[in-house]
């Protein structure tokens, strides 16, 4: 039996095409379902972000001035 390169190439391309189609359809079937709806119960208590923002900004500014003062004093001593 003699293999003709054209027919071998045609068979390989059809096989690759069917493999690609199978993989694509498998991926779409494996997609996750929609998430469940949120529970209708009350929202759990939590700490809002607004409570400590002003205090954090003040601490950051004070720490920044402290570090700048510390670096200037270190350079002056050298």
Protein backbone atom coordinates (compact mmCIF):
# COMPACT_ATOMS: atom_id res chain seq x y z
CA UNK A 1 0.00 0.00 0.00
CA UNK A 2 1.38 3.34 -1.02
CA UNK A 3 0.73 6.48 1.06
CA UNK A 4 0.15 9.62 -0.91
CA UNK A 5 1.27 12.74 0.99
CA UNK A 6 -1.84 14.73 -0.02
CA UNK A 7 -4.27 12.22 1.46
CA UNK A 8 -2.18 11.82 4.61
CA UNK A 9 -2.18 15.60 5.04
CA UNK A 10 -5.95 15.76 4.47
CA UNK A 11 -6.57 13.03 7.04
CA UNK A 12 -4.29 14.74 9.58
CA UNK A 13 -5.97 18.11 9.10
CA UNK A 14 -9.43 16.56 9.54
CA UNK A 15 -8.25 14.76 12.67
CA UNK A 16 -6.79 17.96 14.13
CA UNK A 17 -9.95 19.89 13.29
CA UNK A 18 -12.17 17.32 14.99
CA UNK A 19 -9.85 17.26 18.01
CA UNK A 20 -9.98 21.06 18.26
CA UNK A 21 -13.77 21.08 18.00
CA UNK A 22 -14.03 18.41 20.68
CA UNK A 23 -11.78 20.41 23.02
CA UNK A 24 -13.74 23.63 22.47
CA UNK A 25 -17.08 21.97 23.09
CA UNK A 26 -15.68 20.26 26.20
CA UNK A 27 -14.55 23.58 27.61
CA UNK A 28 -17.97 25.14 27.10
CA UNK A 29 -19.65 22.20 28.82
CA UNK A 30 -17.29 22.44 31.79
CA UNK A 31 -18.10 26.11 32.42
CA UNK A 32 -19.27 26.76 35.99
CA UNK A 33 -22.89 27.48 36.77
CA UNK A 34 -24.09 30.89 37.89
CA UNK A 35 -23.38 31.63 41.57
CA UNK A 36 -26.26 31.25 44.00
CA UNK A 37 -28.22 34.38 44.93
CA UNK A 38 -27.17 36.17 48.14
CA UNK A 39 -28.87 35.18 51.33
CA UNK A 40 -31.83 37.39 52.30
CA UNK A 41 -30.64 37.64 55.92
CA UNK A 42 -29.25 40.75 57.60
CA UNK A 43 -25.80 41.99 56.70
CA UNK A 44 -23.18 40.81 59.23
CA UNK A 45 -21.70 43.58 61.37
CA UNK A 46 -18.35 44.90 60.29
CA UNK A 47 -16.08 47.83 60.83
CA UNK A 48 -16.62 50.54 58.25
CA UNK A 49 -13.50 51.98 56.68
CA UNK A 50 -14.43 55.56 57.65
CA UNK A 51 -13.83 55.12 61.38
CA UNK A 52 -10.04 55.35 61.44
CA UNK A 53 -9.12 57.13 58.21
CA UNK A 54 -8.56 60.56 59.78
CA UNK A 55 -6.42 59.06 62.54
CA UNK A 56 -4.36 57.12 59.99
CA UNK A 57 -3.78 60.25 57.88
CA UNK A 58 -2.68 62.24 60.94
CA UNK A 59 -0.30 59.45 62.01
CA UNK A 60 1.13 59.23 58.49
CA UNK A 61 1.78 63.00 58.34
CA UNK A 62 3.41 63.04 61.79
CA UNK A 63 5.56 60.02 60.92
CA UNK A 64 6.56 61.67 57.63
CA UNK A 65 7.68 64.86 59.40
CA UNK A 66 9.57 62.74 61.95
CA UNK A 67 11.44 60.82 59.21
CA UNK A 68 12.28 64.05 57.33
CA UNK A 69 13.59 65.64 60.55
CA UNK A 70 15.60 62.49 61.34
CA UNK A 71 17.21 62.40 57.87
CA UNK A 72 18.08 66.14 57.98
CA UNK A 73 19.74 65.72 61.40
CA UNK A 74 21.72 62.71 60.20
CA UNK A 75 23.02 64.68 57.17
CA UNK A 76 23.92 67.67 59.39
CA UNK A 77 26.02 65.44 61.69
CA UNK A 78 28.07 64.09 58.77
